[in-house]
Amino acid sequence: MLLLSLSGLAWGNVNQMVMVTGVGWLTAFIVLHGGLWFAGLWFQRECSGFQINRGLSWLALAMARLELFVLIVGGWAWGWLQLAIGLFLPLVVIGIMVLYAFEK
């Protein structure tokens, strides 16, 4: 991902590269906070010995919603093409890594 970002800087459109890499970064945090919320609910039901504070679990959900709102507003303001590229590019990198892992 770093090499792709650096190649984009050589391309010259810094605004687009900030948007594309920022979308990937923000998406990772949305998934992280959504996972923390889901894990908090699951652990409260399934594991009696391990307790996560309910307030922290709901705070993670609130953060995920806020980040999703920022992602939608940023995509609307900067252009849907940059948003789509930013969402698609990490999937391409992960796909290449998976293909490379299965070759061995």
C-alpha atoms as a PDB file:
ATOM      1  CA  MET A   1       0.000   0.000   0.000  1.00  0.00           C
ATOM      2  CA  LEU A   2       2.893   2.306   0.767  1.00  0.00           C
ATOM      3  CA  LEU A   3       4.369   1.775  -2.691  1.00  0.00           C
ATOM      4  CA  LEU A   4       1.006   2.510  -4.285  1.00  0.00           C
ATOM      5  CA  SER A   5       0.719   5.700  -2.247  1.00  0.00           C
ATOM      6  CA  LEU A   6       4.234   6.811  -3.173  1.00  0.00           C
ATOM      7  CA  SER A   7       3.572   6.105  -6.837  1.00  0.00           C
ATOM      8  CA  GLY A   8       0.476   8.290  -6.558  1.00  0.00           C
ATOM      9  CA  LEU A   9       2.564  11.113  -5.136  1.00  0.00           C
ATOM     10  CA  ALA A  10       4.853  10.823  -8.144  1.00  0.00           C
ATOM     11  CA  TRP A  11       1.725  11.110 -10.275  1.00  0.00           C
ATOM     12  CA  GLY A  12       1.229  14.585  -8.874  1.00  0.00           C
ATOM     13  CA  ASN A  13      -2.392  14.704  -7.742  1.00  0.00           C
ATOM     14  CA  VAL A  14      -1.833  15.005  -4.010  1.00  0.00           C
ATOM     15  CA  ASN A  15      -5.485  15.750  -3.185  1.00  0.00           C
ATOM     16  CA  GLN A  16      -6.625  12.535  -4.816  1.00  0.00           C
ATOM     17  CA  MET A  17      -3.954  10.495  -3.049  1.00  0.00           C
ATOM     18  CA  VAL A  18      -4.903  11.945   0.334  1.00  0.00           C
ATOM     19  CA  MET A  19      -8.528  11.020  -0.306  1.00  0.00           C
ATOM     20  CA  VAL A  20      -7.772   7.511  -1.581  1.00  0.00           C
ATOM     21  CA  THR A  21      -5.401   6.582   1.243  1.00  0.00           C
ATOM     22  CA  GLY A  22      -7.606   8.292   3.839  1.00  0.00           C
ATOM     23  CA  VAL A  23     -10.590   6.202   2.757  1.00  0.00           C
ATOM     24  CA  GLY A  24      -8.635   3.000   3.332  1.00  0.00           C
ATOM     25  CA  TRP A  25      -7.464   4.223   6.730  1.00  0.00           C
ATOM     26  CA  LEU A  26     -10.941   5.335   7.800  1.00  0.00           C
ATOM     27  CA  THR A  27     -12.501   2.094   6.577  1.00  0.00           C
ATOM     28  CA  ALA A  28     -10.033   0.121   8.691  1.00  0.00           C
ATOM     29  CA  PHE A  29     -11.107   2.063  11.783  1.00  0.00           C
ATOM     30  CA  ILE A  30     -14.789   1.584  10.972  1.00  0.00           C
ATOM     31  CA  VAL A  31     -14.222  -2.173  10.813  1.00  0.00           C
ATOM     32  CA  LEU A  32     -12.162  -2.059  14.025  1.00  0.00           C
ATOM     33  CA  HIS A  33     -14.821  -0.191  15.999  1.00  0.00           C
ATOM     34  CA  GLY A  34     -17.627  -2.332  14.574  1.00  0.00           C
ATOM     35  CA  GLY A  35     -15.698  -5.441  15.564  1.00  0.00           C
ATOM     36  CA  LEU A  36     -15.130  -4.117  19.084  1.00  0.00           C
ATOM     37  CA  TRP A  37     -18.847  -3.468  19.438  1.00  0.00           C
ATOM     38  CA  PHE A  38     -19.745  -6.929  18.141  1.00  0.00           C
ATOM     39  CA  ALA A  39     -17.128  -8.608  20.345  1.00  0.00           C
ATOM     40  CA  GLY A  40     -18.471  -6.750  23.369  1.00  0.00           C
ATOM     41  CA  LEU A  41     -21.979  -8.040  22.698  1.00  0.00           C
ATOM     42  CA  TRP A  42     -20.774 -11.573  22.038  1.00  0.00           C
ATOM     43  CA  PHE A  43     -18.606 -11.760  25.148  1.00  0.00           C
ATOM     44  CA  GLN A  44     -21.441 -10.479  27.330  1.00  0.00           C
ATOM     45  CA  ARG A  45     -23.678 -13.312  26.121  1.00  0.00           C
ATOM     46  CA  GLU A  46     -21.256 -16.208  25.721  1.00  0.00           C
ATOM     47  CA  CYS A  47     -18.452 -15.749  28.251  1.00  0.00           C
ATOM     48  CA  SER A  48     -19.529 -15.210  31.819  1.00  0.00           C
ATOM     49  CA  GLY A  49     -15.957 -14.923  33.125  1.00  0.00           C
ATOM     50  CA  PHE A  50     -14.921 -12.168  30.716  1.00  0.00           C
ATOM     51  CA  GLN A  51     -16.787  -8.893  30.983  1.00  0.00           C
ATOM     52  CA  ILE A  52     -16.465  -5.854  28.732  1.00  0.00           C
ATOM     53  CA  ASN A  53     -17.970  -2.659  29.984  1.00  0.00           C
ATOM     54  CA  ARG A  54     -21.258  -2.136  28.138  1.00  0.00           C
ATOM     55  CA  GLY A  55     -20.568   1.573  27.826  1.00  0.00           C
ATOM     56  CA  LEU A  56     -17.302   0.936  26.003  1.00  0.00           C
ATOM     57  CA  SER A  57     -18.991  -1.433  23.610  1.00  0.00           C
ATOM     58  CA  TRP A  58     -21.631   1.154  22.737  1.00  0.00           C
ATOM     59  CA  LEU A  59     -18.964   3.865  22.501  1.00  0.00           C
ATOM     60  CA  ALA A  60     -17.244   1.746  19.841  1.00  0.00           C
ATOM     61  CA  LEU A  61     -20.531   1.571  17.912  1.00  0.00           C
ATOM     62  CA  ALA A  62     -20.953   5.350  18.185  1.00  0.00           C
ATOM     63  CA  MET A  63     -17.414   5.854  16.875  1.00  0.00           C
ATOM     64  CA  ALA A  64     -18.087   3.500  13.951  1.00  0.00           C
ATOM     65  CA  ARG A  65     -21.238   5.440  13.081  1.00  0.00           C
ATOM     66  CA  LEU A  66     -19.413   8.766  13.288  1.00  0.00           C
ATOM     67  CA  GLU A  67     -16.615   7.468  11.073  1.00  0.00           C
ATOM     68  CA  LEU A  68     -19.148   6.122   8.577  1.00  0.00           C
ATOM     69  CA  PHE A  69     -20.823   9.536   8.475  1.00  0.00           C
ATOM     70  CA  VAL A  70     -17.436  11.199   7.865  1.00  0.00           C
ATOM     71  CA  LEU A  71     -16.710   8.698   5.086  1.00  0.00           C
ATOM     72  CA  ILE A  72     -20.030   9.388   3.347  1.00  0.00           C
ATOM     73  CA  VAL A  73     -19.720  13.168   3.651  1.00  0.00           C
ATOM     74  CA  GLY A  74     -16.097  13.054   2.480  1.00  0.00           C
ATOM     75  CA  GLY A  75     -17.038  10.881  -0.470  1.00  0.00           C
ATOM     76  CA  TRP A  76     -19.801  13.280  -1.400  1.00  0.00           C
ATOM     77  CA  ALA A  77     -17.569  16.338  -1.045  1.00  0.00           C
ATOM     78  CA  TRP A  78     -14.435  15.010  -2.791  1.00  0.00           C
ATOM     79  CA  GLY A  79     -16.089  12.831  -5.396  1.00  0.00           C
ATOM     80  CA  TRP A  80     -17.485   9.344  -5.564  1.00  0.00           C
ATOM     81  CA  LEU A  81     -14.727   8.144  -7.900  1.00  0.00           C
ATOM     82  CA  GLN A  82     -12.009   8.758  -5.302  1.00  0.00           C
ATOM     83  CA  LEU A  83     -14.198   7.085  -2.678  1.00  0.00           C
ATOM     84  CA  ALA A  84     -14.693   4.030  -4.886  1.00  0.00           C
ATOM     85  CA  ILE A  85     -10.974   3.825  -5.649  1.00  0.00           C
ATOM     86  CA  GLY A  86     -10.171   4.144  -1.945  1.00  0.00           C
ATOM     87  CA  LEU A  87     -12.568   1.324  -1.078  1.00  0.00           C
ATOM     88  CA  PHE A  88     -11.440  -0.907  -3.954  1.00  0.00           C
ATOM     89  CA  LEU A  89      -7.657  -0.477  -3.691  1.00  0.00           C
ATOM     90  CA  PRO A  90      -7.206  -2.243  -0.302  1.00  0.00           C
ATOM     91  CA  LEU A  91      -9.325  -5.136  -1.593  1.00  0.00           C
ATOM     92  CA  VAL A  92      -7.026  -5.456  -4.612  1.00  0.00           C
ATOM     93  CA  VAL A  93      -3.940  -5.483  -2.370  1.00  0.00           C
ATOM     94  CA  ILE A  94      -5.517  -8.108  -0.073  1.00  0.00           C
ATOM     95  CA  GLY A  95      -6.503 -10.197  -3.099  1.00  0.00           C
ATOM     96  CA  ILE A  96      -2.952 -10.118  -4.444  1.00  0.00           C
ATOM     97  CA  MET A  97      -1.605 -11.124  -1.040  1.00  0.00           C
ATOM     98  CA  VAL A  98      -4.064 -14.031  -0.812  1.00  0.00           C
ATOM     99  CA  LEU A  99      -3.151 -15.249  -4.297  1.00  0.00           C
ATOM    100  CA  TYR A 100       0.525 -15.027  -3.422  1.00  0.00           C
ATOM    101  CA  ALA A 101      -0.050 -16.967  -0.189  1.00  0.00           C
ATOM    102  CA  PHE A 102      -1.876 -19.786  -1.987  1.00  0.00           C
ATOM    103  CA  GLU A 103       0.922 -20.166  -4.533  1.00  0.00           C
ATOM    104  CA  LYS A 104       3.281 -21.450  -1.872  1.00  0.00           C
END
